[in-house]
């Protein structure tokens, strides 16, 4: 079918699609929409960027319009679960866009934002609720939402849900849904665990697979640059200084690594922002908005953001570090070549990551071309790239502020920065539970030793304090005899 109107969608939905210049359905949309309009369960497998959201949002909106039902307080008609805040927000925006002429109510329930507005939205009742599993479970436990009247449930990016450890909350949520419902599982990959979960909660599902599982889009040109020890930082800078890198996402393995790379790029004059799980939702959204608007040309992200970034015209994806999980590579490079565009994915690989590269090539069933081999830089090159130089100011005396005075006197702030000798260190006695002053009789009677670990001073015995009668006899013995 060559048009959305021919698929049987409601007139209000087709009008909204036309307004957004959506005219020809993608393969997954053309195959999924007729199945969902009939009310069947669906297991959809498609690579990222192929239009999965419209594939399930438009038929679900049509079914709600064909079967109108007023929403009641704390109840939901359609529930969509997503692994990340960004993806949940984008799905909700898509429902609002496709349903702009349908008069539906949509809300997003995610962590990292204020609780109050979410409670108010749930208490009014909703046509469509898009949520992350953790925050949704919190609201369920507090009685803010009921799921016993849900007509359809969608689990988007099901494999990523499993990777993030959401399987237990998902099972708890699905157990509260009515048995008679329409269930949809969408995923870019289909590991055995997700297949087992789908078979458990889907009822005679139709399977739609528009590309082999875990394959990458043909519109992404994939390259590998082999770098020597310490060469990743300089290689990244050389790439980002080229004019064709107009809008680039750089992926790291860790949150700390993302922050370090971001700061290093800022020091070189490249406007970069970081996005990862330690950032608040407002910070993450602000970074995405700046990246979308072009105020920042580089977005440094971890894998938690690989599924939730939907930014048009991303020219390049750079893997500063290869992911530990090969499937994450598929989702990383899927941030480019979206909506029919083309893109380039470049991976910087050193000797320690060759096994990760082989695992990725095995997963995507194709070798990735090595376009360059860079000689190893100095061993400190990467460290110098990501570590900020220490500020070198001047104090009032004209000496370098980073140099400690050698006379042992306190500086202007009152702190003694002089060299500490072994004698000075020896005076810092560890706490043993008893006074350690030389004049203390308890200290004299409690010789210190070291326990079996060799790290903690202990006392060999508890000193006995003389009683009152002994003190009196001692006092009398000191008096002169008559």
Protein backbone atom coordinates (compact mmCIF):
# COMPACT_ATOMS: atom_id res chain seq x y z
CA UNK A 1 0.00 0.00 0.00
CA UNK A 2 1.39 3.37 -1.04
CA UNK A 3 -0.52 5.71 1.32
CA UNK A 4 -1.65 5.85 4.93
CA UNK A 5 -5.27 6.40 3.93
CA UNK A 6 -5.25 3.03 2.12
CA UNK A 7 -4.23 1.27 5.34
CA UNK A 8 -7.55 1.98 7.03
CA UNK A 9 -6.50 4.63 9.52
CA UNK A 10 -9.02 7.11 10.89
CA UNK A 11 -9.51 10.34 8.96
CA UNK A 12 -8.25 12.47 11.88
CA UNK A 13 -5.03 10.45 12.01
CA UNK A 14 -4.48 10.60 8.24
CA UNK A 15 -5.03 14.37 8.33
CA UNK A 16 -2.40 14.73 11.07
CA UNK A 17 0.07 12.62 9.10
CA UNK A 18 -0.50 14.73 5.99
CA UNK A 19 0.10 17.90 7.98
CA UNK A 20 3.46 16.48 9.07
CA UNK A 21 4.29 15.52 5.44
CA UNK A 22 4.07 11.78 6.11
CA UNK A 23 2.75 10.34 2.88
CA UNK A 24 4.33 6.94 2.22
CA UNK A 25 4.44 4.35 5.04
CA UNK A 26 7.70 2.60 5.84
CA UNK A 27 7.86 -1.21 5.54
CA UNK A 28 7.21 -1.84 9.24
CA UNK A 29 4.31 0.61 9.17
CA UNK A 30 2.78 -0.95 6.07
CA UNK A 31 2.96 -4.43 7.61
CA UNK A 32 2.05 -3.61 11.24
CA UNK A 33 -0.86 -1.18 10.87
CA UNK A 34 -3.35 -3.61 9.21
CA UNK A 35 -2.55 -6.28 11.84
CA UNK A 36 -3.05 -3.89 14.75
CA UNK A 37 -6.26 -2.45 13.34
CA UNK A 38 -7.72 -5.97 13.55
CA UNK A 39 -6.83 -6.14 17.25
CA UNK A 40 -4.15 -8.83 17.01
CA UNK A 41 -1.08 -8.99 19.25
CA UNK A 42 2.17 -8.14 17.51
CA UNK A 43 5.85 -8.93 17.86
CA UNK A 44 7.70 -6.35 15.76
CA UNK A 45 11.40 -6.54 14.96
CA UNK A 46 12.92 -3.58 13.17
CA UNK A 47 16.14 -1.65 13.35
CA UNK A 48 16.06 1.77 14.96
CA UNK A 49 14.97 4.71 12.85
CA UNK A 50 12.49 2.75 10.71
CA UNK A 51 9.32 4.38 12.07
CA UNK A 52 8.24 1.94 14.78
CA UNK A 53 6.46 4.61 16.83
CA UNK A 54 4.08 5.52 14.02
CA UNK A 55 3.62 1.81 13.30
CA UNK A 56 1.89 1.30 16.66
CA UNK A 57 0.66 4.81 17.55
CA UNK A 58 -1.49 5.44 14.49
CA UNK A 59 -3.53 2.18 14.63
CA UNK A 60 -4.00 2.47 18.40
CA UNK A 61 -5.32 6.01 17.98
CA UNK A 62 -7.65 4.79 15.23
CA UNK A 63 -9.05 2.02 17.45
CA UNK A 64 -9.69 4.51 20.26
CA UNK A 65 -11.56 6.79 17.85
CA UNK A 66 -13.60 3.88 16.49
CA UNK A 67 -14.49 2.76 20.03
CA UNK A 68 -14.91 6.01 22.00
CA UNK A 69 -14.93 5.69 25.77
CA UNK A 70 -14.66 8.47 28.36
CA UNK A 71 -11.63 8.26 30.59
CA UNK A 72 -12.24 7.89 34.30
CA UNK A 73 -10.06 9.08 37.18
CA UNK A 74 -6.86 7.06 37.71
CA UNK A 75 -7.57 4.88 34.65
CA UNK A 76 -5.70 4.53 31.36
CA UNK A 77 -6.79 3.23 27.96
CA UNK A 78 -3.38 2.70 26.28
CA UNK A 79 -0.14 2.08 28.17
CA UNK A 80 3.27 2.42 26.51
CA UNK A 81 6.46 1.50 28.39
CA UNK A 82 9.87 2.74 27.28
CA UNK A 83 13.36 2.20 28.76
CA UNK A 84 14.57 5.82 28.91
CA UNK A 85 13.16 9.22 29.72
CA UNK A 86 14.09 10.64 26.35
CA UNK A 87 12.42 7.84 24.43
CA UNK A 88 9.29 8.11 26.59
CA UNK A 89 9.08 11.85 25.91
CA UNK A 90 9.50 11.33 22.16
CA UNK A 91 6.80 8.63 22.04
CA UNK A 92 4.42 10.91 23.91
CA UNK A 93 5.17 13.75 21.48
CA UNK A 94 4.44 11.39 18.58
CA UNK A 95 1.05 10.44 20.05
CA UNK A 96 0.22 14.13 20.48
CA UNK A 97 1.27 14.84 16.90
CA UNK A 98 -0.66 11.96 15.30
CA UNK A 99 -3.65 12.60 17.55
CA UNK A 100 -3.76 16.39 17.28
CA UNK A 101 -7.20 16.23 15.63
CA UNK A 102 -8.48 13.38 17.80
CA UNK A 103 -8.86 15.21 21.12
CA UNK A 104 -6.94 12.65 23.18
CA UNK A 105 -5.12 13.12 26.47
CA UNK A 106 -1.48 12.04 26.74
CA UNK A 107 0.94 12.16 29.69
CA UNK A 108 4.51 11.09 30.33
CA UNK A 109 5.52 9.47 33.63
CA UNK A 110 9.30 9.26 34.12
CA UNK A 111 11.80 9.64 36.93
CA UNK A 112 13.99 12.64 37.57
CA UNK A 113 11.17 15.21 37.42
CA UNK A 114 8.59 16.63 39.82
CA UNK A 115 6.10 14.13 41.24
CA UNK A 116 3.16 16.50 41.71
CA UNK A 117 2.17 17.21 38.08
CA UNK A 118 2.31 13.48 37.33
CA UNK A 119 -0.11 12.72 40.17
CA UNK A 120 -2.55 15.36 38.91
CA UNK A 121 -2.45 13.98 35.36
CA UNK A 122 -3.04 10.42 36.56
CA UNK A 123 -5.90 11.41 38.85
CA UNK A 124 -7.76 12.97 35.89
CA UNK A 125 -7.45 9.81 33.82
CA UNK A 126 -5.69 9.42 30.45
CA UNK A 127 -6.20 8.07 26.99
CA UNK A 128 -2.49 7.36 26.54
CA UNK A 129 0.13 6.96 29.26
CA UNK A 130 3.82 6.70 28.27
CA UNK A 131 6.02 5.70 31.19
CA UNK A 132 9.30 4.24 32.32
CA UNK A 133 8.74 1.08 34.41
CA UNK A 134 10.32 2.26 37.66
CA UNK A 135 8.34 5.47 38.08
CA UNK A 136 5.12 3.81 36.90
CA UNK A 137 5.51 1.13 39.55
CA UNK A 138 5.95 3.84 42.20
CA UNK A 139 2.66 5.46 41.20
CA UNK A 140 0.92 2.09 41.17
CA UNK A 141 2.08 1.30 44.70
CA UNK A 142 0.80 4.68 45.92
CA UNK A 143 -2.58 4.17 44.29
CA UNK A 144 -2.27 7.02 41.80
CA UNK A 145 -3.10 4.87 38.77
CA UNK A 146 -5.02 1.68 38.01
CA UNK A 147 -4.35 -0.57 35.03
CA UNK A 148 -7.35 -2.90 35.16
CA UNK A 149 -9.05 -1.06 32.26
CA UNK A 150 -6.09 -0.90 29.88
CA UNK A 151 -7.13 -1.83 26.34
CA UNK A 152 -3.66 -2.04 24.80
CA UNK A 153 -0.10 -2.19 26.12
CA UNK A 154 3.08 -1.48 24.16
CA UNK A 155 6.57 -2.52 25.24
CA UNK A 156 8.99 -0.51 23.11
CA UNK A 157 12.70 -1.38 22.89
CA UNK A 158 12.02 -4.56 24.83
CA UNK A 159 15.61 -5.78 24.60
CA UNK A 160 16.92 -2.57 26.11
CA UNK A 161 14.42 -2.98 28.94
CA UNK A 162 16.01 -6.31 29.70
CA UNK A 163 19.54 -4.88 29.52
CA UNK A 164 18.66 -2.17 32.06
CA UNK A 165 17.24 -4.67 34.54
CA UNK A 166 13.58 -3.68 34.13
CA UNK A 167 12.36 -7.24 33.72
CA UNK A 168 11.06 -7.53 37.32
CA UNK A 169 9.11 -4.21 37.29
CA UNK A 170 7.71 -5.09 33.86
CA UNK A 171 6.41 -8.43 35.12
CA UNK A 172 4.76 -6.71 38.08
CA UNK A 173 3.12 -4.16 35.80
CA UNK A 174 1.92 -6.68 33.23
CA UNK A 175 0.42 -8.80 36.02
CA UNK A 176 -1.96 -5.91 36.85
CA UNK A 177 -3.31 -5.63 33.30
CA UNK A 178 -6.59 -7.29 32.26
CA UNK A 179 -6.22 -10.62 30.51
CA UNK A 180 -8.29 -9.40 27.57
CA UNK A 181 -6.10 -6.76 25.98
CA UNK A 182 -4.00 -6.07 22.91
CA UNK A 183 -0.26 -6.48 23.52
CA UNK A 184 2.60 -5.21 21.35
CA UNK A 185 6.32 -5.91 21.71
CA UNK A 186 8.72 -3.89 19.57
CA UNK A 187 12.47 -4.37 19.53
CA UNK A 188 15.48 -3.87 17.33
CA UNK A 189 17.03 -7.15 18.47
CA UNK A 190 15.42 -10.33 19.72
CA UNK A 191 17.56 -12.21 22.26
CA UNK A 192 16.23 -15.45 23.72
CA UNK A 193 15.16 -13.80 26.97
CA UNK A 194 12.91 -11.30 25.20
CA UNK A 195 11.52 -14.01 22.96
CA UNK A 196 10.57 -16.00 26.05
CA UNK A 197 8.92 -12.96 27.64
CA UNK A 198 6.99 -12.27 24.45
CA UNK A 199 5.71 -15.83 24.26
CA UNK A 200 4.56 -15.54 27.87
CA UNK A 201 2.58 -12.31 27.56
CA UNK A 202 1.53 -12.21 23.88
CA UNK A 203 -1.51 -14.17 22.71
CA UNK A 204 -1.05 -15.73 19.27
CA UNK A 205 1.01 -12.78 18.06
CA UNK A 206 1.68 -11.86 14.46
CA UNK A 207 5.40 -11.45 13.77
CA UNK A 208 6.68 -8.58 11.64
CA UNK A 209 10.38 -8.47 10.83
CA UNK A 210 11.50 -5.92 8.28
CA UNK A 211 15.21 -6.63 8.70
CA UNK A 212 17.21 -9.49 10.18
CA UNK A 213 17.68 -9.18 13.91
CA UNK A 214 20.65 -7.06 14.99
CA UNK A 215 21.51 -5.84 11.50
CA UNK A 216 22.49 -2.24 10.89
CA UNK A 217 20.89 0.10 8.44
CA UNK A 218 22.30 0.09 4.93
CA UNK A 219 22.36 3.89 4.88
CA UNK A 220 25.09 4.04 7.56
CA UNK A 221 28.66 3.86 6.30
CA UNK A 222 30.67 2.09 8.99
CA UNK A 223 34.38 2.66 9.47
CA UNK A 224 37.09 1.66 11.94
CA UNK A 225 40.19 3.69 12.76
CA UNK A 226 42.83 1.61 14.51
CA UNK A 227 44.77 3.71 17.00
CA UNK A 228 47.83 3.02 19.07
CA UNK A 229 48.12 3.37 22.82
CA UNK A 230 47.14 6.85 23.92
CA UNK A 231 45.93 7.87 20.46
CA UNK A 232 42.16 8.12 20.89
CA UNK A 233 42.08 11.69 22.17
CA UNK A 234 44.15 13.19 19.34
CA UNK A 235 42.23 11.11 16.77
CA UNK A 236 38.89 12.39 18.07
CA UNK A 237 40.06 15.99 17.93
CA UNK A 238 41.33 15.58 14.37
CA UNK A 239 37.94 14.21 13.29
CA UNK A 240 35.80 16.83 14.97
CA UNK A 241 37.84 19.70 13.52
CA UNK A 242 36.82 18.66 10.01
CA UNK A 243 33.98 20.80 8.59
CA UNK A 244 31.86 17.83 7.49
CA UNK A 245 31.31 16.83 11.14
CA UNK A 246 28.36 19.18 11.48
CA UNK A 247 26.33 17.35 14.15
CA UNK A 248 28.08 14.48 15.92
CA UNK A 249 27.27 12.10 18.75
CA UNK A 250 30.28 10.64 20.61
CA UNK A 251 29.69 7.51 22.67
CA UNK A 252 31.66 6.44 25.75
CA UNK A 253 31.22 3.44 28.04
CA UNK A 254 30.96 5.28 31.35
CA UNK A 255 29.29 8.40 32.70
CA UNK A 256 32.57 9.67 34.09
CA UNK A 257 34.21 9.14 30.73
CA UNK A 258 31.46 11.12 29.00
CA UNK A 259 31.99 14.07 31.34
CA UNK A 260 35.76 13.98 30.85
CA UNK A 261 35.54 13.86 27.06
CA UNK A 262 32.99 16.68 27.08
CA UNK A 263 35.20 18.91 29.22
CA UNK A 264 38.24 18.10 27.08
CA UNK A 265 36.40 19.12 23.93
CA UNK A 266 35.22 22.33 25.54
CA UNK A 267 38.81 23.25 26.36
CA UNK A 268 39.68 22.99 22.67
CA UNK A 269 36.87 25.30 21.62
CA UNK A 270 34.42 22.60 20.48
CA UNK A 271 30.96 23.19 21.98
CA UNK A 272 30.00 19.84 23.50
CA UNK A 273 27.41 18.67 26.04
CA UNK A 274 27.18 15.40 27.96
CA UNK A 275 24.08 13.29 28.53
CA UNK A 276 23.94 10.22 30.79
CA UNK A 277 22.12 8.66 33.70
CA UNK A 278 23.61 10.91 36.40
CA UNK A 279 22.16 14.01 34.77
CA UNK A 280 18.77 15.24 35.90
CA UNK A 281 15.92 15.11 33.42
CA UNK A 282 16.04 18.88 33.00
CA UNK A 283 19.78 18.75 32.28
CA UNK A 284 19.32 15.95 29.76
CA UNK A 285 16.49 17.73 28.00
CA UNK A 286 18.43 21.00 27.92
CA UNK A 287 21.42 19.21 26.36
CA UNK A 288 19.20 17.60 23.72
CA UNK A 289 17.53 20.92 22.92
CA UNK A 290 20.90 22.63 22.49
CA UNK A 291 22.10 19.81 20.26
CA UNK A 292 18.94 19.87 18.14
CA UNK A 293 19.09 23.64 17.73
CA UNK A 294 22.76 23.58 16.74
CA UNK A 295 24.05 25.57 19.71
CA UNK A 296 26.14 22.50 20.55
CA UNK A 297 27.72 20.58 17.68
CA UNK A 298 28.77 17.54 19.72
CA UNK A 299 26.75 15.43 22.14
CA UNK A 300 28.74 13.01 24.33
CA UNK A 301 26.54 10.16 25.54
CA UNK A 302 26.55 6.75 27.20
CA UNK A 303 24.58 3.73 26.02
CA UNK A 304 21.60 4.66 28.16
CA UNK A 305 20.96 7.45 25.66
CA UNK A 306 21.54 5.34 22.55
CA UNK A 307 17.85 4.41 22.30
CA UNK A 308 16.42 7.76 23.37
CA UNK A 309 18.06 10.24 20.99
CA UNK A 310 15.98 11.05 17.96
CA UNK A 311 17.68 14.03 16.38
CA UNK A 312 17.36 14.65 12.63
CA UNK A 313 20.41 15.20 10.47
CA UNK A 314 23.04 13.67 12.76
CA UNK A 315 25.96 13.53 10.35
CA UNK A 316 28.31 11.29 12.33
CA UNK A 317 28.41 8.86 15.23
CA UNK A 318 31.82 8.27 16.81
CA UNK A 319 32.48 5.38 19.15
CA UNK A 320 35.22 6.79 21.36
CA UNK A 321 35.00 3.44 23.15
CA UNK A 322 33.37 0.30 21.81
CA UNK A 323 30.47 -1.00 23.90
CA UNK A 324 30.87 -4.11 26.04
CA UNK A 325 27.56 -5.44 24.70
CA UNK A 326 27.69 -5.89 20.89
CA UNK A 327 23.97 -5.14 20.48
CA UNK A 328 24.56 -1.64 21.82
CA UNK A 329 26.66 -0.90 18.74
CA UNK A 330 23.56 -1.37 16.57
CA UNK A 331 21.63 1.19 18.56
CA UNK A 332 24.51 3.64 18.78
CA UNK A 333 25.01 3.93 15.04
CA UNK A 334 21.26 4.02 14.54
CA UNK A 335 21.32 7.61 15.83
CA UNK A 336 22.41 8.65 12.35
CA UNK A 337 20.81 7.92 8.96
CA UNK A 338 17.33 8.52 10.32
CA UNK A 339 14.20 9.37 8.33
CA UNK A 340 15.74 8.36 5.02
CA UNK A 341 18.99 10.30 5.46
CA UNK A 342 22.51 8.89 5.25
CA UNK A 343 25.17 8.87 7.94
CA UNK A 344 28.65 7.75 8.94
CA UNK A 345 29.68 5.76 12.01
CA UNK A 346 33.36 5.74 13.00
CA UNK A 347 34.83 3.57 15.75
CA UNK A 348 38.17 4.34 17.38
CA UNK A 349 39.64 0.96 18.29
CA UNK A 350 42.86 0.20 20.14
CA UNK A 351 44.51 -3.14 20.79
CA UNK A 352 42.53 -3.79 23.97
CA UNK A 353 39.23 -3.59 22.05
CA UNK A 354 39.94 -5.94 19.16
CA UNK A 355 37.84 -8.69 20.75
CA UNK A 356 34.90 -6.28 21.05
CA UNK A 357 35.23 -5.41 17.38
CA UNK A 358 35.20 -9.08 16.41
CA UNK A 359 32.04 -9.64 18.48
CA UNK A 360 30.33 -6.71 16.75
CA UNK A 361 31.29 -7.94 13.29
CA UNK A 362 29.94 -11.37 14.16
CA UNK A 363 26.67 -9.86 15.34
CA UNK A 364 26.10 -7.64 12.29
CA UNK A 365 27.33 -10.43 10.00
CA UNK A 366 29.76 -8.29 8.08
CA UNK A 367 33.32 -7.01 8.43
CA UNK A 368 33.74 -3.32 9.17
CA UNK A 369 36.24 -1.56 6.96
CA UNK A 370 39.44 -0.27 8.56
CA UNK A 371 39.96 3.10 6.89
CA UNK A 372 43.06 4.24 8.80
CA UNK A 373 45.77 2.97 11.12
CA UNK A 374 47.28 5.61 13.36
CA UNK A 375 50.59 5.10 15.09
CA UNK A 376 50.58 5.15 18.85
CA UNK A 377 51.01 8.53 20.44
CA UNK A 378 52.78 9.03 23.72
CA UNK A 379 51.42 6.93 26.52
CA UNK A 380 50.08 10.06 28.21
CA UNK A 381 48.23 11.45 25.18
CA UNK A 382 44.76 10.25 26.13
CA UNK A 383 45.32 11.18 29.75
CA UNK A 384 46.43 14.67 28.74
CA UNK A 385 43.39 14.94 26.48
CA UNK A 386 40.79 14.16 29.14
CA UNK A 387 42.48 15.61 32.24
CA UNK A 388 42.18 19.35 32.78
CA UNK A 389 45.46 21.22 33.38
CA UNK A 390 45.91 22.54 36.90
CA UNK A 391 45.44 26.31 37.22
CA UNK A 392 48.73 28.13 37.62
CA UNK A 393 47.98 31.41 39.38
CA UNK A 394 50.21 33.77 41.35
CA UNK A 395 49.97 34.53 45.03
CA UNK A 396 50.66 37.87 46.59
CA UNK A 397 54.32 37.10 47.08
CA UNK A 398 54.79 36.61 43.34
CA UNK A 399 55.49 32.90 43.72
CA UNK A 400 53.57 30.23 41.89
CA UNK A 401 50.36 29.55 43.80
CA UNK A 402 50.69 25.81 43.22
CA UNK A 403 54.05 25.63 45.01
CA UNK A 404 54.03 24.88 48.70
CA UNK A 405 56.15 27.08 50.99
CA UNK A 406 59.12 25.15 52.23
CA UNK A 407 59.48 26.92 55.57
CA UNK A 408 56.50 25.17 57.14
CA UNK A 409 54.66 28.45 57.78
CA UNK A 410 50.97 28.88 57.11
CA UNK A 411 49.90 30.51 53.87
CA UNK A 412 47.46 33.41 53.51
CA UNK A 413 44.52 31.10 54.10
CA UNK A 414 45.90 30.02 57.46
CA UNK A 415 46.85 26.51 56.36
CA UNK A 416 50.30 25.16 57.00
CA UNK A 417 51.53 23.86 53.67
CA UNK A 418 55.05 23.14 54.78
CA UNK A 419 56.68 19.78 54.23
CA UNK A 420 55.60 17.11 56.67
CA UNK A 421 58.43 15.11 58.23
CA UNK A 422 58.33 11.59 59.56
CA UNK A 423 58.32 13.05 63.08
CA UNK A 424 55.26 15.11 62.24
CA UNK A 425 53.48 12.06 60.88
CA UNK A 426 54.40 10.02 63.91
CA UNK A 427 52.65 12.53 66.15
CA UNK A 428 49.33 11.76 64.48
CA UNK A 429 48.41 8.79 66.63
CA UNK A 430 45.37 6.74 65.63
CA UNK A 431 42.41 6.52 68.00
CA UNK A 432 42.56 3.41 70.18
CA UNK A 433 39.65 4.05 72.49
CA UNK A 434 41.91 5.33 75.30
CA UNK A 435 43.77 8.63 75.85
CA UNK A 436 47.18 8.74 74.23
CA UNK A 437 48.66 11.73 76.03
CA UNK A 438 52.00 10.96 77.64
CA UNK A 439 50.78 12.05 81.08
CA UNK A 440 47.84 9.69 81.04
CA UNK A 441 48.30 6.63 83.25
CA UNK A 442 45.98 4.71 80.97
CA UNK A 443 48.24 5.40 78.03
CA UNK A 444 51.25 4.21 79.96
CA UNK A 445 49.53 0.99 80.98
CA UNK A 446 48.05 0.23 77.57
CA UNK A 447 50.89 -0.60 75.17
CA UNK A 448 49.75 -0.50 71.56
CA UNK A 449 50.21 -3.27 69.08
CA UNK A 450 48.77 -4.07 65.65
CA UNK A 451 46.04 -6.56 64.87
CA UNK A 452 46.35 -9.41 62.39
CA UNK A 453 45.42 -7.22 59.43
CA UNK A 454 48.26 -4.88 60.19
CA UNK A 455 46.17 -1.74 59.70
CA UNK A 456 44.45 -0.92 62.99
CA UNK A 457 46.14 -0.26 66.34
CA UNK A 458 44.55 -2.16 69.22
CA UNK A 459 45.14 -2.35 72.96
CA UNK A 460 46.40 -5.56 74.55
CA UNK A 461 44.53 -5.05 77.82
CA UNK A 462 42.24 -2.60 79.48
CA UNK A 463 44.06 -0.58 82.15
CA UNK A 464 42.66 -0.74 85.69
CA UNK A 465 42.08 2.58 87.39
CA UNK A 466 43.04 2.63 91.09
CA UNK A 467 40.09 2.59 93.45
CA UNK A 468 39.30 5.23 96.10
CA UNK A 469 40.83 3.15 98.99
CA UNK A 470 44.12 2.72 97.15
CA UNK A 471 44.29 6.48 96.50
CA UNK A 472 43.70 7.18 100.20
CA UNK A 473 46.48 4.78 101.31
CA UNK A 474 48.80 6.40 98.74
CA UNK A 475 47.96 9.89 100.09
CA UNK A 476 48.63 8.82 103.68
CA UNK A 477 51.93 7.21 102.79
CA UNK A 478 53.18 10.55 101.38
CA UNK A 479 52.50 12.46 104.62
CA UNK A 480 55.51 13.03 106.95
CA UNK A 481 55.67 10.82 110.05
CA UNK A 482 55.33 12.46 113.47
